[in-house]
ModelCIF file with pLDDT and N, C-alpha, C, O atoms, coordinates in Angstrom:
data_MODEL
#
_entry.id   MODEL 
#
_entity.id                         1 
_entity.type                       polymer 
_entity.pdbx_number_of_molecules   1 
#
_entity_poly.entity_id                      1 
_entity_poly.type                           'polypeptide(L)' 
_entity_poly.nstd_linkage                   no 
_entity_poly.nstd_monomer                   no 
_entity_poly.pdbx_seq_one_letter_code       
;(UNK)(UNK)(UNK)(UNK)(UNK)(UNK)(UNK)(UNK)(UNK)(UNK)(UNK)(UNK)(UNK)(UNK)(UNK)(UNK)
(UNK)(UNK)(UNK)(UNK)(UNK)(UNK)(UNK)(UNK)(UNK)(UNK)(UNK)(UNK)(UNK)(UNK)(UNK)(UNK)
(UNK)(UNK)(UNK)(UNK)
;
_entity_poly.pdbx_seq_one_letter_code_can   XXXXXXXXXXXXXXXXXXXXXXXXXXXXXXXXXXXX 
_entity_poly.pdbx_strand_id                 A 
#
loop_
_entity_poly_seq.entity_id 
_entity_poly_seq.num 
_entity_poly_seq.mon_id 
_entity_poly_seq.hetero 
1 1  UNK n 
1 2  UNK n 
1 3  UNK n 
1 4  UNK n 
1 5  UNK n 
1 6  UNK n 
1 7  UNK n 
1 8  UNK n 
1 9  UNK n 
1 10 UNK n 
1 11 UNK n 
1 12 UNK n 
1 13 UNK n 
1 14 UNK n 
1 15 UNK n 
1 16 UNK n 
1 17 UNK n 
1 18 UNK n 
1 19 UNK n 
1 20 UNK n 
1 21 UNK n 
1 22 UNK n 
1 23 UNK n 
1 24 UNK n 
1 25 UNK n 
1 26 UNK n 
1 27 UNK n 
1 28 UNK n 
1 29 UNK n 
1 30 UNK n 
1 31 UNK n 
1 32 UNK n 
1 33 UNK n 
1 34 UNK n 
1 35 UNK n 
1 36 UNK n 
#
_struct_asym.id          A 
_struct_asym.entity_id   1 
#
loop_
_ma_qa_metric.id 
_ma_qa_metric.mode 
_ma_qa_metric.name 
_ma_qa_metric.software_group_id 
_ma_qa_metric.type 
1 global pLDDT . pLDDT 
2 local  pLDDT . pLDDT 
#
_ma_qa_metric_global.metric_id      1 
_ma_qa_metric_global.metric_value   96.25 
_ma_qa_metric_global.model_id       1 
_ma_qa_metric_global.ordinal_id     1 
#
loop_
_ma_qa_metric_local.label_asym_id 
_ma_qa_metric_local.label_comp_id 
_ma_qa_metric_local.label_seq_id 
_ma_qa_metric_local.metric_id 
_ma_qa_metric_local.metric_value 
_ma_qa_metric_local.model_id 
_ma_qa_metric_local.ordinal_id 
A UNK 1  2 98.00 1 1  
A UNK 2  2 98.00 1 2  
A UNK 3  2 98.00 1 3  
A UNK 4  2 97.00 1 4  
A UNK 5  2 97.00 1 5  
A UNK 6  2 95.00 1 6  
A UNK 7  2 96.00 1 7  
A UNK 8  2 97.00 1 8  
A UNK 9  2 97.00 1 9  
A UNK 10 2 97.00 1 10 
A UNK 11 2 97.00 1 11 
A UNK 12 2 96.00 1 12 
A UNK 13 2 97.00 1 13 
A UNK 14 2 96.00 1 14 
A UNK 15 2 94.00 1 15 
A UNK 16 2 93.00 1 16 
A UNK 17 2 95.00 1 17 
A UNK 18 2 94.00 1 18 
A UNK 19 2 94.00 1 19 
A UNK 20 2 93.00 1 20 
A UNK 21 2 93.00 1 21 
A UNK 22 2 91.00 1 22 
A UNK 23 2 95.00 1 23 
A UNK 24 2 97.00 1 24 
A UNK 25 2 98.00 1 25 
A UNK 26 2 97.00 1 26 
A UNK 27 2 98.00 1 27 
A UNK 28 2 98.00 1 28 
A UNK 29 2 97.00 1 29 
A UNK 30 2 96.00 1 30 
A UNK 31 2 97.00 1 31 
A UNK 32 2 98.00 1 32 
A UNK 33 2 98.00 1 33 
A UNK 34 2 98.00 1 34 
A UNK 35 2 98.00 1 35 
A UNK 36 2 97.00 1 36 
#
loop_
_atom_site.group_PDB 
_atom_site.id 
_atom_site.type_symbol 
_atom_site.label_atom_id 
_atom_site.label_alt_id 
_atom_site.label_comp_id 
_atom_site.label_asym_id 
_atom_site.label_entity_id 
_atom_site.label_seq_id 
_atom_site.pdbx_PDB_ins_code 
_atom_site.Cartn_x 
_atom_site.Cartn_y 
_atom_site.Cartn_z 
_atom_site.occupancy 
_atom_site.B_iso_or_equiv 
_atom_site.pdbx_formal_charge 
_atom_site.auth_seq_id 
_atom_site.auth_comp_id 
_atom_site.auth_asym_id 
_atom_site.auth_atom_id 
_atom_site.pdbx_PDB_model_num 
ATOM 1   N N  . UNK A 1 1  ? 0.845  -1.191 0.000   1.00 98.00 ? 1  UNK A N  1 
ATOM 2   C CA . UNK A 1 1  ? 0.000  -0.001 0.001   1.00 98.00 ? 1  UNK A CA 1 
ATOM 3   C C  . UNK A 1 1  ? 0.885  1.241  0.001   1.00 98.00 ? 1  UNK A C  1 
ATOM 4   O O  . UNK A 1 1  ? 1.853  1.324  0.756   1.00 98.00 ? 1  UNK A O  1 
ATOM 5   N N  . UNK A 1 2  ? 0.538  2.216  -0.864  1.00 98.00 ? 2  UNK A N  1 
ATOM 6   C CA . UNK A 1 2  ? 1.256  3.486  -0.903  1.00 98.00 ? 2  UNK A CA 1 
ATOM 7   C C  . UNK A 1 2  ? 0.545  4.467  0.024   1.00 98.00 ? 2  UNK A C  1 
ATOM 8   O O  . UNK A 1 2  ? -0.666 4.661  -0.081  1.00 98.00 ? 2  UNK A O  1 
ATOM 9   N N  . UNK A 1 3  ? 1.298  5.082  0.929   1.00 98.00 ? 3  UNK A N  1 
ATOM 10  C CA . UNK A 1 3  ? 0.700  5.913  1.972   1.00 98.00 ? 3  UNK A CA 1 
ATOM 11  C C  . UNK A 1 3  ? 1.276  7.326  1.938   1.00 98.00 ? 3  UNK A C  1 
ATOM 12  O O  . UNK A 1 3  ? 2.476  7.498  2.149   1.00 98.00 ? 3  UNK A O  1 
ATOM 13  N N  . UNK A 1 4  ? 0.434  8.361  1.674   1.00 97.00 ? 4  UNK A N  1 
ATOM 14  C CA . UNK A 1 4  ? 0.932  9.745  1.766   1.00 97.00 ? 4  UNK A CA 1 
ATOM 15  C C  . UNK A 1 4  ? 1.108  10.139 3.221   1.00 97.00 ? 4  UNK A C  1 
ATOM 16  O O  . UNK A 1 4  ? 0.331  9.726  4.082   1.00 97.00 ? 4  UNK A O  1 
ATOM 17  N N  . UNK A 1 5  ? 2.131  10.942 3.493   1.00 97.00 ? 5  UNK A N  1 
ATOM 18  C CA . UNK A 1 5  ? 2.350  11.409 4.857   1.00 97.00 ? 5  UNK A CA 1 
ATOM 19  C C  . UNK A 1 5  ? 2.100  12.914 4.913   1.00 97.00 ? 5  UNK A C  1 
ATOM 20  O O  . UNK A 1 5  ? 2.398  13.647 3.970   1.00 97.00 ? 5  UNK A O  1 
ATOM 21  N N  . UNK A 1 6  ? 1.548  13.354 6.037   1.00 95.00 ? 6  UNK A N  1 
ATOM 22  C CA . UNK A 1 6  ? 1.260  14.779 6.204   1.00 95.00 ? 6  UNK A CA 1 
ATOM 23  C C  . UNK A 1 6  ? 2.525  15.566 6.501   1.00 95.00 ? 6  UNK A C  1 
ATOM 24  O O  . UNK A 1 6  ? 2.652  16.715 6.079   1.00 95.00 ? 6  UNK A O  1 
ATOM 25  N N  . UNK A 1 7  ? 3.460  14.963 7.220   1.00 96.00 ? 7  UNK A N  1 
ATOM 26  C CA . UNK A 1 7  ? 4.729  15.598 7.551   1.00 96.00 ? 7  UNK A CA 1 
ATOM 27  C C  . UNK A 1 7  ? 5.864  14.681 7.142   1.00 96.00 ? 7  UNK A C  1 
ATOM 28  O O  . UNK A 1 7  ? 5.869  13.501 7.494   1.00 96.00 ? 7  UNK A O  1 
ATOM 29  N N  . UNK A 1 8  ? 6.834  15.217 6.395   1.00 97.00 ? 8  UNK A N  1 
ATOM 30  C CA . UNK A 1 8  ? 7.965  14.408 5.960   1.00 97.00 ? 8  UNK A CA 1 
ATOM 31  C C  . UNK A 1 8  ? 8.784  13.986 7.191   1.00 97.00 ? 8  UNK A C  1 
ATOM 32  O O  . UNK A 1 8  ? 9.257  14.854 7.925   1.00 97.00 ? 8  UNK A O  1 
ATOM 33  N N  . UNK A 1 9  ? 8.962  12.694 7.434   1.00 97.00 ? 9  UNK A N  1 
ATOM 34  C CA . UNK A 1 9  ? 9.664  12.259 8.647   1.00 97.00 ? 9  UNK A CA 1 
ATOM 35  C C  . UNK A 1 9  ? 11.126 12.704 8.712   1.00 97.00 ? 9  UNK A C  1 
ATOM 36  O O  . UNK A 1 9  ? 11.697 12.782 9.800   1.00 97.00 ? 9  UNK A O  1 
ATOM 37  N N  . UNK A 1 10 ? 11.729 12.991 7.581   1.00 97.00 ? 10 UNK A N  1 
ATOM 38  C CA . UNK A 1 10 ? 13.116 13.447 7.592   1.00 97.00 ? 10 UNK A CA 1 
ATOM 39  C C  . UNK A 1 10 ? 13.260 14.809 8.261   1.00 97.00 ? 10 UNK A C  1 
ATOM 40  O O  . UNK A 1 10 ? 14.288 15.098 8.874   1.00 97.00 ? 10 UNK A O  1 
ATOM 41  N N  . UNK A 1 11 ? 12.232 15.645 8.145   1.00 97.00 ? 11 UNK A N  1 
ATOM 42  C CA . UNK A 1 11 ? 12.346 17.008 8.650   1.00 97.00 ? 11 UNK A CA 1 
ATOM 43  C C  . UNK A 1 11 ? 12.498 17.045 10.172  1.00 97.00 ? 11 UNK A C  1 
ATOM 44  O O  . UNK A 1 11 ? 13.192 17.910 10.707  1.00 97.00 ? 11 UNK A O  1 
ATOM 45  N N  . UNK A 1 12 ? 11.856 16.118 10.860  1.00 96.00 ? 12 UNK A N  1 
ATOM 46  C CA . UNK A 1 12 ? 11.970 16.071 12.321  1.00 96.00 ? 12 UNK A CA 1 
ATOM 47  C C  . UNK A 1 12 ? 13.337 15.550 12.765  1.00 96.00 ? 12 UNK A C  1 
ATOM 48  O O  . UNK A 1 12 ? 13.792 15.851 13.869  1.00 96.00 ? 12 UNK A O  1 
ATOM 49  N N  . UNK A 1 13 ? 13.989 14.766 11.901  1.00 97.00 ? 13 UNK A N  1 
ATOM 50  C CA . UNK A 1 13 ? 15.298 14.197 12.234  1.00 97.00 ? 13 UNK A CA 1 
ATOM 51  C C  . UNK A 1 13 ? 16.435 15.166 11.924  1.00 97.00 ? 13 UNK A C  1 
ATOM 52  O O  . UNK A 1 13 ? 17.508 15.082 12.521  1.00 97.00 ? 13 UNK A O  1 
ATOM 53  N N  . UNK A 1 14 ? 16.199 16.082 10.993  1.00 96.00 ? 14 UNK A N  1 
ATOM 54  C CA . UNK A 1 14 ? 17.235 16.989 10.484  1.00 96.00 ? 14 UNK A CA 1 
ATOM 55  C C  . UNK A 1 14 ? 17.372 18.168 11.441  1.00 96.00 ? 14 UNK A C  1 
ATOM 56  O O  . UNK A 1 14 ? 16.775 19.223 11.225  1.00 96.00 ? 14 UNK A O  1 
ATOM 57  N N  . UNK A 1 15 ? 18.155 17.987 12.492  1.00 94.00 ? 15 UNK A N  1 
ATOM 58  C CA . UNK A 1 15 ? 18.217 18.963 13.586  1.00 94.00 ? 15 UNK A CA 1 
ATOM 59  C C  . UNK A 1 15 ? 18.847 20.290 13.177  1.00 94.00 ? 15 UNK A C  1 
ATOM 60  O O  . UNK A 1 15 ? 18.475 21.339 13.702  1.00 94.00 ? 15 UNK A O  1 
ATOM 61  N N  . UNK A 1 16 ? 19.795 20.253 12.247  1.00 93.00 ? 16 UNK A N  1 
ATOM 62  C CA . UNK A 1 16 ? 20.461 21.494 11.825  1.00 93.00 ? 16 UNK A CA 1 
ATOM 63  C C  . UNK A 1 16 ? 20.014 21.918 10.430  1.00 93.00 ? 16 UNK A C  1 
ATOM 64  O O  . UNK A 1 16 ? 20.800 22.449 9.646   1.00 93.00 ? 16 UNK A O  1 
ATOM 65  N N  . UNK A 1 17 ? 18.754 21.676 10.139  1.00 95.00 ? 17 UNK A N  1 
ATOM 66  C CA . UNK A 1 17 ? 18.208 21.999 8.821   1.00 95.00 ? 17 UNK A CA 1 
ATOM 67  C C  . UNK A 1 17 ? 18.299 23.496 8.561   1.00 95.00 ? 17 UNK A C  1 
ATOM 68  O O  . UNK A 1 17 ? 17.900 24.290 9.412   1.00 95.00 ? 17 UNK A O  1 
ATOM 69  N N  . UNK A 1 18 ? 18.823 23.904 7.389   1.00 94.00 ? 18 UNK A N  1 
ATOM 70  C CA . UNK A 1 18 ? 18.939 25.334 7.081   1.00 94.00 ? 18 UNK A CA 1 
ATOM 71  C C  . UNK A 1 18 ? 17.565 26.015 6.989   1.00 94.00 ? 18 UNK A C  1 
ATOM 72  O O  . UNK A 1 18 ? 16.540 25.362 6.794   1.00 94.00 ? 18 UNK A O  1 
ATOM 73  N N  . UNK A 1 19 ? 17.578 27.320 7.131   1.00 94.00 ? 19 UNK A N  1 
ATOM 74  C CA . UNK A 1 19 ? 16.345 28.104 6.990   1.00 94.00 ? 19 UNK A CA 1 
ATOM 75  C C  . UNK A 1 19 ? 15.980 28.220 5.508   1.00 94.00 ? 19 UNK A C  1 
ATOM 76  O O  . UNK A 1 19 ? 16.860 28.134 4.652   1.00 94.00 ? 19 UNK A O  1 
ATOM 77  N N  . UNK A 1 20 ? 14.706 28.412 5.197   1.00 93.00 ? 20 UNK A N  1 
ATOM 78  C CA . UNK A 1 20 ? 14.308 28.634 3.805   1.00 93.00 ? 20 UNK A CA 1 
ATOM 79  C C  . UNK A 1 20 ? 14.994 29.881 3.245   1.00 93.00 ? 20 UNK A C  1 
ATOM 80  O O  . UNK A 1 20 ? 15.321 30.792 4.006   1.00 93.00 ? 20 UNK A O  1 
ATOM 81  N N  . UNK A 1 21 ? 15.217 29.938 1.932   1.00 93.00 ? 21 UNK A N  1 
ATOM 82  C CA . UNK A 1 21 ? 15.893 31.096 1.339   1.00 93.00 ? 21 UNK A CA 1 
ATOM 83  C C  . UNK A 1 21 ? 15.028 32.351 1.433   1.00 93.00 ? 21 UNK A C  1 
ATOM 84  O O  . UNK A 1 21 ? 13.799 32.287 1.465   1.00 93.00 ? 21 UNK A O  1 
ATOM 85  N N  . UNK A 1 22 ? 15.713 33.491 1.477   1.00 91.00 ? 22 UNK A N  1 
ATOM 86  C CA . UNK A 1 22 ? 14.997 34.771 1.589   1.00 91.00 ? 22 UNK A CA 1 
ATOM 87  C C  . UNK A 1 22 ? 15.588 35.804 0.639   1.00 91.00 ? 22 UNK A C  1 
ATOM 88  O O  . UNK A 1 22 ? 15.654 36.987 0.971   1.00 91.00 ? 22 UNK A O  1 
ATOM 89  N N  . UNK A 1 23 ? 16.021 35.362 -0.548  1.00 95.00 ? 23 UNK A N  1 
ATOM 90  C CA . UNK A 1 23 ? 16.639 36.277 -1.508  1.00 95.00 ? 23 UNK A CA 1 
ATOM 91  C C  . UNK A 1 23 ? 15.603 37.268 -2.053  1.00 95.00 ? 23 UNK A C  1 
ATOM 92  O O  . UNK A 1 23 ? 14.437 36.908 -2.219  1.00 95.00 ? 23 UNK A O  1 
ATOM 93  N N  . UNK A 1 24 ? 16.008 38.494 -2.330  1.00 97.00 ? 24 UNK A N  1 
ATOM 94  C CA . UNK A 1 24 ? 15.060 39.472 -2.870  1.00 97.00 ? 24 UNK A CA 1 
ATOM 95  C C  . UNK A 1 24 ? 14.593 39.104 -4.272  1.00 97.00 ? 24 UNK A C  1 
ATOM 96  O O  . UNK A 1 24 ? 15.348 38.543 -5.065  1.00 97.00 ? 24 UNK A O  1 
ATOM 97  N N  . UNK A 1 25 ? 13.350 39.426 -4.561  1.00 98.00 ? 25 UNK A N  1 
ATOM 98  C CA . UNK A 1 25 ? 12.766 39.233 -5.893  1.00 98.00 ? 25 UNK A CA 1 
ATOM 99  C C  . UNK A 1 25 ? 12.862 40.564 -6.624  1.00 98.00 ? 25 UNK A C  1 
ATOM 100 O O  . UNK A 1 25 ? 12.354 41.580 -6.151  1.00 98.00 ? 25 UNK A O  1 
ATOM 101 N N  . UNK A 1 26 ? 13.517 40.552 -7.782  1.00 97.00 ? 26 UNK A N  1 
ATOM 102 C CA . UNK A 1 26 ? 13.774 41.780 -8.519  1.00 97.00 ? 26 UNK A CA 1 
ATOM 103 C C  . UNK A 1 26 ? 13.075 41.766 -9.870  1.00 97.00 ? 26 UNK A C  1 
ATOM 104 O O  . UNK A 1 26 ? 12.705 40.711 -10.384 1.00 97.00 ? 26 UNK A O  1 
ATOM 105 N N  . UNK A 1 27 ? 12.902 42.950 -10.431 1.00 98.00 ? 27 UNK A N  1 
ATOM 106 C CA . UNK A 1 27 ? 12.324 43.063 -11.771 1.00 98.00 ? 27 UNK A CA 1 
ATOM 107 C C  . UNK A 1 27 ? 13.394 42.766 -12.818 1.00 98.00 ? 27 UNK A C  1 
ATOM 108 O O  . UNK A 1 27 ? 14.552 43.152 -12.662 1.00 98.00 ? 27 UNK A O  1 
ATOM 109 N N  . UNK A 1 28 ? 12.993 42.071 -13.896 1.00 98.00 ? 28 UNK A N  1 
ATOM 110 C CA . UNK A 1 28 ? 13.879 41.793 -15.021 1.00 98.00 ? 28 UNK A CA 1 
ATOM 111 C C  . UNK A 1 28 ? 13.668 42.882 -16.071 1.00 98.00 ? 28 UNK A C  1 
ATOM 112 O O  . UNK A 1 28 ? 12.535 43.195 -16.437 1.00 98.00 ? 28 UNK A O  1 
ATOM 113 N N  . UNK A 1 29 ? 14.771 43.453 -16.548 1.00 97.00 ? 29 UNK A N  1 
ATOM 114 C CA . UNK A 1 29 ? 14.675 44.605 -17.442 1.00 97.00 ? 29 UNK A CA 1 
ATOM 115 C C  . UNK A 1 29 ? 13.833 44.322 -18.680 1.00 97.00 ? 29 UNK A C  1 
ATOM 116 O O  . UNK A 1 29 ? 13.952 43.260 -19.291 1.00 97.00 ? 29 UNK A O  1 
ATOM 117 N N  . UNK A 1 30 ? 12.987 45.272 -19.042 1.00 96.00 ? 30 UNK A N  1 
ATOM 118 C CA . UNK A 1 30 ? 12.076 45.103 -20.166 1.00 96.00 ? 30 UNK A CA 1 
ATOM 119 C C  . UNK A 1 30 ? 12.820 44.900 -21.483 1.00 96.00 ? 30 UNK A C  1 
ATOM 120 O O  . UNK A 1 30 ? 12.380 44.133 -22.340 1.00 96.00 ? 30 UNK A O  1 
ATOM 121 N N  . UNK A 1 31 ? 13.963 45.601 -21.643 1.00 97.00 ? 31 UNK A N  1 
ATOM 122 C CA . UNK A 1 31 ? 14.686 45.464 -22.917 1.00 97.00 ? 31 UNK A CA 1 
ATOM 123 C C  . UNK A 1 31 ? 15.348 44.106 -23.039 1.00 97.00 ? 31 UNK A C  1 
ATOM 124 O O  . UNK A 1 31 ? 15.658 43.684 -24.153 1.00 97.00 ? 31 UNK A O  1 
ATOM 125 N N  . UNK A 1 32 ? 15.579 43.399 -21.927 1.00 98.00 ? 32 UNK A N  1 
ATOM 126 C CA . UNK A 1 32 ? 16.095 42.027 -21.990 1.00 98.00 ? 32 UNK A CA 1 
ATOM 127 C C  . UNK A 1 32 ? 14.958 41.024 -22.166 1.00 98.00 ? 32 UNK A C  1 
ATOM 128 O O  . UNK A 1 32 ? 15.114 40.019 -22.861 1.00 98.00 ? 32 UNK A O  1 
ATOM 129 N N  . UNK A 1 33 ? 13.811 41.295 -21.535 1.00 98.00 ? 33 UNK A N  1 
ATOM 130 C CA . UNK A 1 33 ? 12.676 40.380 -21.612 1.00 98.00 ? 33 UNK A CA 1 
ATOM 131 C C  . UNK A 1 33 ? 12.023 40.399 -22.990 1.00 98.00 ? 33 UNK A C  1 
ATOM 132 O O  . UNK A 1 33 ? 11.633 39.353 -23.508 1.00 98.00 ? 33 UNK A O  1 
ATOM 133 N N  . UNK A 1 34 ? 11.905 41.576 -23.581 1.00 98.00 ? 34 UNK A N  1 
ATOM 134 C CA . UNK A 1 34 ? 11.349 41.677 -24.923 1.00 98.00 ? 34 UNK A CA 1 
ATOM 135 C C  . UNK A 1 34 ? 9.832  41.579 -25.026 1.00 98.00 ? 34 UNK A C  1 
ATOM 136 O O  . UNK A 1 34 ? 9.276  41.712 -26.116 1.00 98.00 ? 34 UNK A O  1 
ATOM 137 N N  . UNK A 1 35 ? 9.159  41.349 -23.906 1.00 98.00 ? 35 UNK A N  1 
ATOM 138 C CA . UNK A 1 35 ? 7.694  41.265 -23.904 1.00 98.00 ? 35 UNK A CA 1 
ATOM 139 C C  . UNK A 1 35 ? 7.225  41.557 -22.486 1.00 98.00 ? 35 UNK A C  1 
ATOM 140 O O  . UNK A 1 35 ? 7.831  41.084 -21.525 1.00 98.00 ? 35 UNK A O  1 
ATOM 141 N N  . UNK A 1 36 ? 6.143  42.337 -22.343 1.00 97.00 ? 36 UNK A N  1 
ATOM 142 C CA . UNK A 1 36 ? 5.697  42.684 -21.004 1.00 97.00 ? 36 UNK A CA 1 
ATOM 143 C C  . UNK A 1 36 ? 4.771  41.613 -20.442 1.00 97.00 ? 36 UNK A C  1 
ATOM 144 O O  . UNK A 1 36 ? 4.295  41.740 -19.313 1.00 97.00 ? 36 UNK A O  1 
#
């Protein structure tokens, strides 16, 4: 039987798990994108 889990069991074991990324979201220049 295949069983979905609500919480990944690895996450509770990973004591020094890094924080999620928080990099800024920037606009891409219109002249490089070529379409709005």
